[in-house]
Protein backbone atom coordinates (compact mmCIF):
# COMPACT_ATOMS: atom_id res chain seq x y z
CA MET A 1 74.57 86.20 127.72
CA PRO A 2 75.08 89.52 129.87
CA HIS A 3 77.49 92.17 128.50
CA ASP A 4 80.82 92.05 130.13
CA LEU A 5 80.37 88.72 131.87
CA ARG A 6 83.25 86.77 133.45
CA THR A 7 82.25 83.22 134.51
CA LEU A 8 83.85 81.17 137.15
CA LYS A 9 83.32 77.51 137.01
CA CYS A 10 84.31 75.21 139.56
CA THR A 11 84.56 71.37 139.24
CA LEU A 12 84.56 68.86 142.15
CA PRO A 13 85.84 65.49 141.04
CA ARG A 14 85.98 65.36 144.65
CA PHE A 15 86.69 69.08 144.24
CA GLN A 16 87.78 70.94 141.19
CA CYS A 17 86.70 74.70 140.61
CA PHE A 18 87.17 76.12 137.32
CA HIS A 19 86.08 78.87 134.83
CA ILE A 20 85.79 82.53 134.60
CA THR A 21 84.90 84.09 131.34
CA GLN A 22 85.88 87.24 129.68
CA ARG A 23 85.65 88.27 126.20
CA ARG A 24 86.76 91.96 125.43
CA ARG A 25 89.55 92.27 123.26
CA LEU A 26 91.25 89.13 124.39
CA ARG A 27 89.94 85.88 123.95
CA VAL A 28 91.20 82.77 125.56
CA HIS A 29 89.98 79.53 124.63
CA LEU A 30 89.90 76.05 126.10
CA SER A 31 89.60 72.63 124.37
CA LYS A 32 87.50 69.67 125.66
CA SER A 33 90.30 67.88 127.21
CA TYR A 34 92.51 70.54 128.86
CA ALA A 35 92.25 74.32 129.80
CA GLY A 36 93.72 77.45 129.00
CA SER A 37 94.95 79.39 126.08
CA LEU A 38 94.72 83.15 125.24
CA ALA A 39 93.73 83.67 121.60
CA GLU A 40 93.04 86.88 120.01
CA SER A 41 92.10 90.12 120.54
CA GLU A 42 89.65 92.19 118.80
CA ALA A 43 89.42 95.89 118.91
CA ALA A 44 85.74 96.27 118.86
CA PRO A 45 84.26 96.99 122.42
CA PRO A 46 81.92 94.15 123.13
CA SER A 47 81.32 91.75 125.78
CA ASP A 48 84.21 90.67 128.10
CA TYR A 49 84.71 87.25 128.98
CA VAL A 50 87.23 85.65 131.50
CA SER A 51 87.45 81.88 132.59
CA ALA A 52 88.88 80.51 135.63
CA LYS A 53 89.16 76.90 136.67
CA ARG A 54 89.86 74.84 139.65
CA PHE A 55 90.84 71.18 139.94
CA ASP A 56 91.96 69.32 143.14
CA HIS A 57 90.96 66.64 145.55
CA PRO A 58 88.55 66.32 148.53
CA GLY A 59 88.67 69.25 150.87
CA ALA A 60 84.99 70.55 151.75
CA ARG A 61 86.83 72.71 154.39
CA PHE A 62 88.48 74.76 151.71
CA VAL A 63 85.72 74.86 149.14
CA ALA A 64 83.84 77.73 150.64
CA GLN A 65 86.81 79.90 151.02
CA ALA A 66 88.01 79.08 147.56
CA ILE A 67 84.49 79.90 145.81
CA GLU A 68 84.26 83.20 148.09
CA SER A 69 87.68 84.27 146.99
CA ALA A 70 86.34 83.93 143.30
CA LEU A 71 83.22 85.82 144.26
CA SER A 72 84.85 88.60 145.78
CA GLN A 73 86.68 89.54 142.68
CA THR A 74 86.23 93.26 141.71
CA PHE A 75 85.26 92.22 138.04
CA ARG A 76 81.63 91.67 139.27
CA ASN A 77 79.68 90.07 136.35
CA ARG A 78 80.69 86.30 136.60
CA GLU A 79 78.93 82.72 136.76
CA ILE A 80 80.45 79.96 138.71
CA ILE A 81 79.80 76.21 137.65
CA VAL A 82 80.59 73.44 139.95
CA VAL A 83 80.82 69.91 138.76
CA GLU A 84 80.50 67.59 141.68
CA ASN A 85 81.58 64.02 141.26
CA GLY A 86 80.02 61.91 144.07
CA SER A 87 81.77 63.79 146.86
CA THR A 88 81.38 62.24 150.31
CA ASP A 89 83.49 64.50 152.54
CA GLY A 90 80.43 67.16 153.25
CA THR A 91 81.27 69.06 149.99
CA ASN A 92 77.63 69.00 148.99
CA SER A 93 76.49 70.44 152.28
CA VAL A 94 78.98 73.40 151.77
CA LEU A 95 77.69 73.90 148.25
CA ALA A 96 74.21 74.25 149.30
CA GLY A 97 75.23 77.29 150.96
CA PHE A 98 75.96 78.82 147.66
CA THR A 99 72.56 78.08 145.99
CA GLY A 100 71.64 80.80 143.70
CA ARG A 101 75.26 82.08 143.37
CA ILE A 102 76.63 79.01 141.42
CA THR A 103 75.57 76.58 138.86
CA LEU A 104 76.09 73.09 140.22
CA ILE A 105 76.24 69.94 138.05
CA HIS A 106 76.06 66.35 139.71
CA GLN A 107 77.86 63.46 137.83
CA GLN A 108 79.37 60.01 139.14
CA HIS A 109 82.52 60.10 137.17
CA PRO A 110 85.52 60.71 139.40
CA GLY A 111 88.64 61.85 137.56
CA ILE A 112 89.97 65.33 136.88
CA SER A 113 89.56 64.95 133.04
CA VAL A 114 85.96 64.02 133.07
CA ALA A 115 85.42 66.83 135.29
CA ARG A 116 87.30 69.06 133.48
CA ASN A 117 85.34 68.04 130.23
CA ALA A 118 82.11 68.38 131.80
CA GLY A 119 82.65 71.95 133.22
CA ILE A 120 84.16 72.88 129.84
CA ALA A 121 81.02 71.66 127.92
CA ALA A 122 78.79 73.62 130.24
CA SER A 123 80.86 76.96 130.02
CA SER A 124 80.77 79.70 127.60
CA GLY A 125 83.95 81.57 128.79
CA GLU A 126 86.87 82.00 126.69
CA LEU A 127 89.68 82.93 129.11
CA ILE A 128 90.71 80.35 131.74
CA ALA A 129 92.37 80.83 135.05
CA PHE A 130 93.08 78.15 137.55
CA LEU A 131 92.54 77.88 141.11
CA ASP A 132 93.32 75.15 143.46
CA GLN A 133 90.94 74.16 146.37
CA ASP A 134 93.64 75.11 149.02
CA ASP A 135 94.54 78.51 147.33
CA LEU A 136 92.72 81.79 147.49
CA TRP A 137 92.46 84.82 145.12
CA ASP A 138 93.14 88.32 146.02
CA PRO A 139 90.00 90.25 145.24
CA GLY A 140 91.92 91.81 142.13
CA LYS A 141 93.17 88.80 140.71
CA LEU A 142 91.04 88.47 137.54
CA GLU A 143 91.58 92.18 136.68
CA ARG A 144 95.15 92.02 136.90
CA GLN A 145 95.82 88.68 134.79
CA ARG A 146 99.20 89.11 133.62
CA VAL A 147 99.85 88.78 129.74
CA CYS A 148 103.24 89.09 128.17
CA VAL A 149 102.68 90.47 124.66
CA ALA A 150 105.82 89.46 122.47
CA VAL A 151 106.57 91.60 119.45
CA PRO A 152 109.28 91.91 117.01
CA THR A 153 109.18 95.88 117.02
CA LEU A 154 107.09 98.40 118.90
CA GLY A 155 105.52 101.46 117.18
CA ILE A 156 104.95 100.63 113.87
CA PRO A 157 102.33 102.76 112.62
CA SER A 158 100.50 100.32 110.54
CA GLU A 159 100.39 97.82 113.27
CA THR A 160 97.53 99.40 115.05
CA PHE A 161 96.11 95.60 115.86
CA ILE A 162 99.27 95.03 118.04
CA ARG A 163 99.13 98.45 119.90
CA ASN A 164 95.36 97.74 120.52
CA HIS A 165 96.54 94.21 122.15
CA ILE A 166 99.01 96.00 124.40
CA ASP A 167 96.75 99.04 125.43
CA ARG A 168 93.18 97.34 125.49
CA LEU A 169 93.45 93.89 126.81
CA SER A 170 91.48 93.28 130.02
CA ALA A 171 94.83 92.25 131.75
CA HIS A 172 97.92 93.50 133.11
CA VAL A 173 100.14 93.58 129.91
CA ILE A 174 103.94 93.49 130.14
CA PRO A 175 105.35 93.95 126.27
CA LEU A 176 108.65 92.52 125.25
CA HIS A 177 110.16 93.60 121.95
CA GLY A 178 113.34 92.81 119.91
CA GLY A 179 114.97 89.50 119.40
CA PRO A 180 114.16 86.85 118.37
CA PRO A 181 113.11 86.08 120.96
CA PRO A 182 111.91 89.27 122.15
CA ASP A 183 114.04 90.44 125.17
CA ARG A 184 113.61 94.10 125.54
CA LEU A 185 111.25 95.84 127.84
CA SER A 186 109.47 98.94 126.84
CA ASP A 187 112.17 101.09 128.64
CA GLY A 188 114.97 99.51 126.70
CA HIS A 189 116.31 97.29 129.44
CA ARG A 190 117.30 93.82 128.37
CA VAL A 191 116.04 90.59 129.91
CA ASP A 192 118.63 87.88 130.02
CA ASP A 193 116.75 85.02 131.43
CA LEU A 194 113.06 84.61 129.77
CA PRO A 195 112.04 81.74 131.69
CA GLY A 196 113.03 83.53 134.98
CA PHE A 197 111.36 86.68 133.93
CA PHE A 198 107.98 85.01 133.15
CA LYS A 199 108.08 83.32 136.65
CA GLN A 200 109.30 86.39 138.40
CA ASN A 201 106.48 88.58 136.98
CA ARG A 202 103.86 85.90 137.35
CA ILE A 203 103.04 85.68 133.72
CA ASP A 204 99.84 83.79 133.09
CA VAL A 205 100.05 83.42 129.43
CA VAL A 206 102.50 84.63 126.53
CA LEU A 207 100.82 86.23 123.40
CA ALA A 208 103.37 86.04 120.57
CA GLU A 209 102.79 88.34 117.66
CA TYR A 210 103.60 86.58 114.35
CA GLY A 211 104.77 82.95 113.90
CA GLN A 212 108.25 83.77 113.94
CA THR A 213 108.14 85.38 117.40
CA GLY A 214 106.30 82.41 118.90
CA ALA A 215 108.81 80.06 117.51
CA SER A 216 111.37 81.72 119.15
CA LEU A 217 109.70 81.86 122.40
CA VAL A 218 108.80 78.02 122.49
CA THR A 219 111.84 76.86 124.71
CA ALA A 220 111.23 79.78 127.21
CA CYS A 221 107.55 79.14 127.84
CA ARG A 222 108.20 75.41 128.15
CA LYS A 223 111.03 76.05 130.85
CA ALA A 224 108.80 78.58 132.56
CA GLN A 225 105.53 76.26 132.01
CA VAL A 226 103.69 79.09 130.81
CA PRO A 227 101.09 78.77 127.98
CA LEU A 228 102.04 80.12 124.66
CA VAL A 229 99.49 81.45 122.26
CA VAL A 230 100.77 82.59 118.79
CA HIS A 231 98.95 85.04 116.78
CA PHE A 232 99.65 84.83 112.76
CA HIS A 233 98.95 87.86 110.74
CA GLY A 234 99.82 87.37 107.08
CA ALA A 235 103.37 86.92 105.64
CA ASP A 236 104.38 84.64 108.68
CA ALA A 237 101.76 82.23 107.38
CA TYR A 238 102.33 82.65 103.58
CA ASP A 239 105.83 83.81 102.60
CA HIS A 240 107.78 81.23 100.91
CA GLU A 241 111.21 82.23 102.44
CA VAL A 242 109.62 82.54 105.79
CA LEU A 243 108.42 79.01 105.76
CA LYS A 244 111.50 77.58 104.17
CA ILE A 245 113.60 78.85 107.11
CA HIS A 246 110.99 78.22 109.88
CA ARG A 247 109.45 75.12 108.54
CA GLN A 248 110.93 72.88 111.46
CA ARG A 249 110.52 75.60 113.97
CA TYR A 250 107.05 75.84 113.14
CA ALA A 251 106.31 72.13 113.51
CA GLU A 252 107.71 72.47 117.13
CA LEU A 253 105.67 75.55 117.49
CA PHE A 254 102.61 73.66 116.54
CA ARG A 255 103.20 70.86 118.92
CA SER A 256 103.92 73.32 121.93
CA ALA A 257 101.58 76.25 121.69
CA ARG A 258 98.42 76.21 123.37
CA ARG A 259 96.35 77.89 120.83
CA VAL A 260 97.07 79.49 117.43
CA VAL A 261 95.00 82.54 116.20
CA VAL A 262 94.37 83.22 112.72
CA VAL A 263 92.62 86.18 111.24
CA SER A 264 91.09 84.69 108.18
CA LYS A 265 89.61 81.27 107.02
CA ALA A 266 92.30 81.08 104.27
CA MET A 267 94.92 81.52 106.93
CA ARG A 268 93.41 78.60 108.88
CA ASN A 269 93.42 76.19 105.90
CA GLN A 270 97.05 77.45 105.07
CA LEU A 271 98.08 76.48 108.80
CA GLU A 272 96.36 73.18 108.82
CA ALA A 273 98.22 72.33 105.42
CA LEU A 274 101.60 73.49 107.24
CA GLY A 275 100.71 70.75 110.01
CA CYS A 276 98.95 72.53 112.84
CA TYR A 277 96.37 70.42 114.50
CA PRO A 278 92.83 72.00 113.69
CA GLY A 279 91.86 71.69 117.23
CA LYS A 280 94.32 74.25 118.28
CA ILE A 281 93.38 76.95 115.63
CA ARG A 282 91.16 79.83 116.35
CA PHE A 283 89.64 82.01 113.76
CA VAL A 284 89.46 85.39 115.43
CA PRO A 285 88.89 88.09 112.79
CA CYS A 286 90.09 91.48 113.47
CA GLY A 287 87.78 94.05 115.14
CA VAL A 288 87.54 97.80 115.12
CA ASN A 289 86.28 100.26 117.93
CA LEU A 290 83.03 101.34 116.49
CA SER A 291 82.76 104.16 118.83
CA GLN A 292 85.81 105.72 117.01
CA PHE A 293 83.97 106.18 113.67
CA ARG A 294 81.11 108.17 112.45
CA PRO A 295 79.24 106.37 109.72
CA VAL A 296 78.53 108.50 106.64
CA LEU A 297 76.20 108.53 103.64
CA PRO A 298 78.92 107.98 101.13
CA GLY A 299 76.85 109.16 98.25
CA VAL A 300 76.79 112.53 99.61
CA ASN A 301 80.50 112.76 99.72
CA PRO A 302 82.44 113.67 96.44
CA PRO A 303 83.99 111.06 94.04
CA VAL A 304 87.02 110.54 96.55
CA LEU A 305 88.38 106.99 96.79
CA THR A 306 90.48 106.25 99.55
CA ALA A 307 93.26 103.43 100.19
CA VAL A 308 94.85 103.03 103.50
CA GLY A 309 97.71 100.65 104.16
CA ARG A 310 101.55 100.06 103.96
CA PHE A 311 102.85 100.46 100.48
CA VAL A 312 104.17 96.99 100.14
CA ASN A 313 103.66 94.36 97.13
CA LYS A 314 100.90 92.43 98.58
CA LYS A 315 98.72 95.40 98.74
CA ALA A 316 99.71 96.37 95.42
CA PRO A 317 99.23 100.02 95.70
CA TYR A 318 100.56 100.55 92.06
CA LEU A 319 97.78 98.54 90.65
CA ALA A 320 95.09 100.63 92.37
CA ILE A 321 96.80 103.55 90.70
CA VAL A 322 96.66 102.12 87.41
CA ALA A 323 93.00 101.26 87.77
CA PHE A 324 92.21 104.67 89.06
CA THR A 325 94.05 106.17 85.89
CA ILE A 326 91.06 104.56 83.84
CA VAL A 327 88.73 106.35 85.97
CA VAL A 328 89.75 109.69 85.63
CA ARG A 329 89.95 109.57 81.92
CA THR A 330 86.01 109.26 82.29
CA LEU A 331 85.67 111.15 85.45
CA PRO A 332 88.25 113.85 85.50
CA GLU A 333 87.08 115.23 88.91
CA ALA A 334 87.56 111.70 90.77
CA ARG A 335 90.45 111.94 93.41
CA LEU A 336 92.54 108.89 94.85
CA VAL A 337 93.69 109.51 98.37
CA MET A 338 96.55 106.98 99.66
CA VAL A 339 97.36 106.76 103.11
CA GLY A 340 100.43 105.19 104.74
CA GLY A 341 104.09 104.88 103.99
CA GLY A 342 106.31 101.77 102.95
CA PRO A 343 109.21 100.95 100.75
CA LEU A 344 106.98 101.48 97.44
CA PHE A 345 105.82 104.99 98.47
CA ASP A 346 108.12 107.02 96.37
CA ALA A 347 107.85 104.69 93.27
CA CYS A 348 104.02 104.97 93.59
CA ARG A 349 104.31 108.69 93.65
CA MET A 350 106.38 108.66 90.55
CA LEU A 351 104.16 106.20 88.91
CA SER A 352 100.90 108.60 89.30
CA ARG A 353 103.10 111.44 87.68
CA ALA A 354 104.36 109.12 84.85
CA LEU A 355 100.74 108.13 84.13
CA GLY A 356 99.64 111.78 84.11
CA ILE A 357 97.50 111.81 87.27
CA GLY A 358 99.77 113.29 89.75
CA ASP A 359 97.39 115.89 90.41
CA SER A 360 94.39 113.50 90.82
CA VAL A 361 96.22 111.50 93.71
CA GLN A 362 97.03 112.61 97.14
CA PHE A 363 99.89 110.65 99.13
CA THR A 364 99.46 111.70 102.76
CA GLY A 365 102.26 109.35 104.00
CA ASP A 366 101.95 107.85 107.53
CA ALA A 367 98.93 109.29 109.51
CA LEU A 368 97.53 109.23 113.03
CA HIS A 369 94.46 106.96 113.44
CA SER A 370 92.20 110.21 113.94
CA GLN A 371 93.40 111.56 110.60
CA VAL A 372 92.65 108.10 109.02
CA VAL A 373 89.13 108.06 110.55
CA GLU A 374 88.64 111.73 109.09
CA LYS A 375 89.89 110.62 105.54
CA LEU A 376 87.31 107.68 105.55
CA ALA A 377 84.50 110.03 106.51
CA GLN A 378 85.14 112.28 103.55
CA SER A 379 85.18 109.32 100.85
CA ARG A 380 82.81 107.88 98.70
CA ALA A 381 84.46 104.41 98.67
CA PHE A 382 87.56 102.44 99.90
CA VAL A 383 89.77 100.57 97.51
CA GLN A 384 92.51 97.95 98.01
CA HIS A 385 93.90 95.77 95.37
CA SER A 386 95.63 93.09 97.46
CA VAL A 387 97.32 90.18 95.62
CA VAL A 388 99.35 87.02 96.42
CA THR A 389 103.02 88.03 95.63
CA ASP A 390 105.56 85.93 93.71
CA SER A 391 107.13 85.32 97.12
CA GLY A 392 103.77 83.89 98.42
CA ASP A 393 103.18 86.64 100.57
CA SER A 394 99.44 87.50 101.45
CA GLU A 395 97.15 89.43 103.51
CA GLY A 396 95.57 88.06 106.65
CA LEU A 397 92.41 90.33 107.09
CA PRO A 398 93.39 94.00 106.30
CA LYS A 399 92.01 95.95 109.31
CA ALA A 400 91.61 99.08 107.05
CA VAL A 401 88.98 97.24 105.15
CA LEU A 402 86.89 96.61 108.57
CA GLU A 403 87.36 100.61 109.46
CA ALA A 404 86.08 101.32 106.05
CA CYS A 405 82.96 99.17 106.77
CA ALA A 406 82.75 100.98 110.39
CA SER A 407 82.73 104.32 108.46
CA GLY A 408 79.68 103.12 106.12
CA LEU A 409 81.82 103.01 103.00
CA PRO A 410 81.61 100.43 100.17
CA VAL A 411 84.61 98.66 99.66
CA VAL A 412 86.16 97.93 96.18
CA ALA A 413 88.70 95.09 96.62
CA THR A 414 90.14 91.84 95.31
CA ALA A 415 88.82 88.50 96.20
CA HIS A 416 91.86 87.91 98.46
CA ALA A 417 92.60 86.21 101.87
CA GLY A 418 90.42 87.41 104.67
CA ILE A 419 88.76 90.12 102.53
CA VAL A 420 86.35 87.66 101.37
CA ASP A 421 85.27 86.79 104.93
CA VAL A 422 83.83 90.36 105.63
CA ILE A 423 82.97 91.68 101.88
CA THR A 424 80.22 90.23 100.00
CA ASP A 425 80.27 91.06 96.34
CA GLY A 426 77.19 93.42 95.53
CA VAL A 427 76.22 93.59 99.32
CA ASN A 428 78.58 95.72 100.87
CA GLY A 429 81.04 96.31 98.06
CA PHE A 430 82.64 94.71 95.02
CA LEU A 431 85.04 92.05 94.71
CA VAL A 432 87.13 91.35 91.56
CA ASP A 433 90.00 89.00 90.74
CA GLU A 434 93.49 89.77 91.55
CA PHE A 435 95.26 91.70 88.76
CA ASP A 436 91.87 92.57 86.92
CA ILE A 437 92.62 96.18 86.49
CA ALA A 438 89.87 96.62 83.95
CA ASN A 439 87.08 95.31 86.24
CA MET A 440 88.62 97.10 89.28
CA ALA A 441 88.36 100.53 87.29
CA ASN A 442 84.74 99.59 86.20
CA ARG A 443 83.78 99.12 89.82
CA MET A 444 85.43 102.02 91.14
CA LEU A 445 83.81 104.38 88.47
CA GLN A 446 80.40 102.97 89.14
CA ILE A 447 80.79 103.95 92.66
CA CYS A 448 81.73 107.51 91.77
CA THR A 449 79.13 108.21 89.23
CA GLU A 450 76.22 106.46 91.17
CA PRO A 451 75.75 108.12 94.43
CA SER A 452 72.68 106.00 95.09
CA LEU A 453 74.69 102.72 94.57
CA ALA A 454 77.42 103.87 97.05
CA ASN A 455 74.61 104.61 99.53
CA ARG A 456 73.17 100.92 99.07
CA LEU A 457 76.37 99.27 99.39
CA GLY A 458 77.78 101.39 102.37
């Protein structure tokens, strides 16, 4: 499939048009029986897909205008699929005029659902937009798909994935924050009527970051008849207290949401266990923009191990420090760089001093993304000792692990959650059991003392 493709597919059950594909950082998926739902966003810059769909009744005189309005979109790379269901109103002669510009499927099964399924089966798009036969699109319609990204809080440094959704989706994005439900615009103004806001601003889909956010928006999206897609990230899928508080609301969310996005296979299994219909779940791993990173030959760098992430229990930065203490006893010149902030930051600094390695550990605090990129480029390896906490909290897929891979670094981490989806033990890093400090230290030491091993795994 060519890069940056949007596919418009048109279906005629007496005439139904449908599908326009785009797959950039936002992915929207479609089931075999109904259309539409926005799924996740990857940060990497690969191909773009958008999908648009059209369903209606006989009306050959409108077909040409409708298809032309799709073809005139300013987003140029596209495919049009037409499913013709035995039309007798002159539609076929009209379609003949588009030979070479559309893909035409003939079948003798009338009905919207059958036509939709035939077109969907032939499609490769991920973002679906709908166009009726008696409607026309403005030329910039597809480039201005309107997505409301709803988040609890804006501007948290560690939540770069949310910032990327807001900044990088191939759509006109309107962020809402606060709540629940989120009801504040970026300028601080409060939205009193969410359903009315969605309608007034012609929102095509609502992307809710975190399960709790999605649960709080079910009613508003239903009233506005706007598809709701919820993106789970970690604690919202695992934390015992969160699940206890939101269990009933999650049940309603799973019924109402058009799609549910997860970042790891473990999270997919968890949500299925919580009652989410498997067909609604889309596994979309986080991504990174490779152009922002410069792969290094890690064995050339000094024995510097870098950890990036919030100082919270599920990332267990204190366990990485304890393991590093063992490394320093054998290799005094080794260094540990810890990037990030959080509630355990001060405690970890005091721990390093108490263990006598205060001079060997650098705590940078929160850092700009450009500074993170630079720290990774100066490292021998990336380390992270994530664990499932007593409260059940767990990672989704730590984006810092992916950024380390993009930098050409081997990763030493625990076999935890989504980490196992991207790190293969002995191939691009080492995986150890949670709380296995001795093995973690051994693997860190191996990387620090064997530059050729670091190069092979990086």
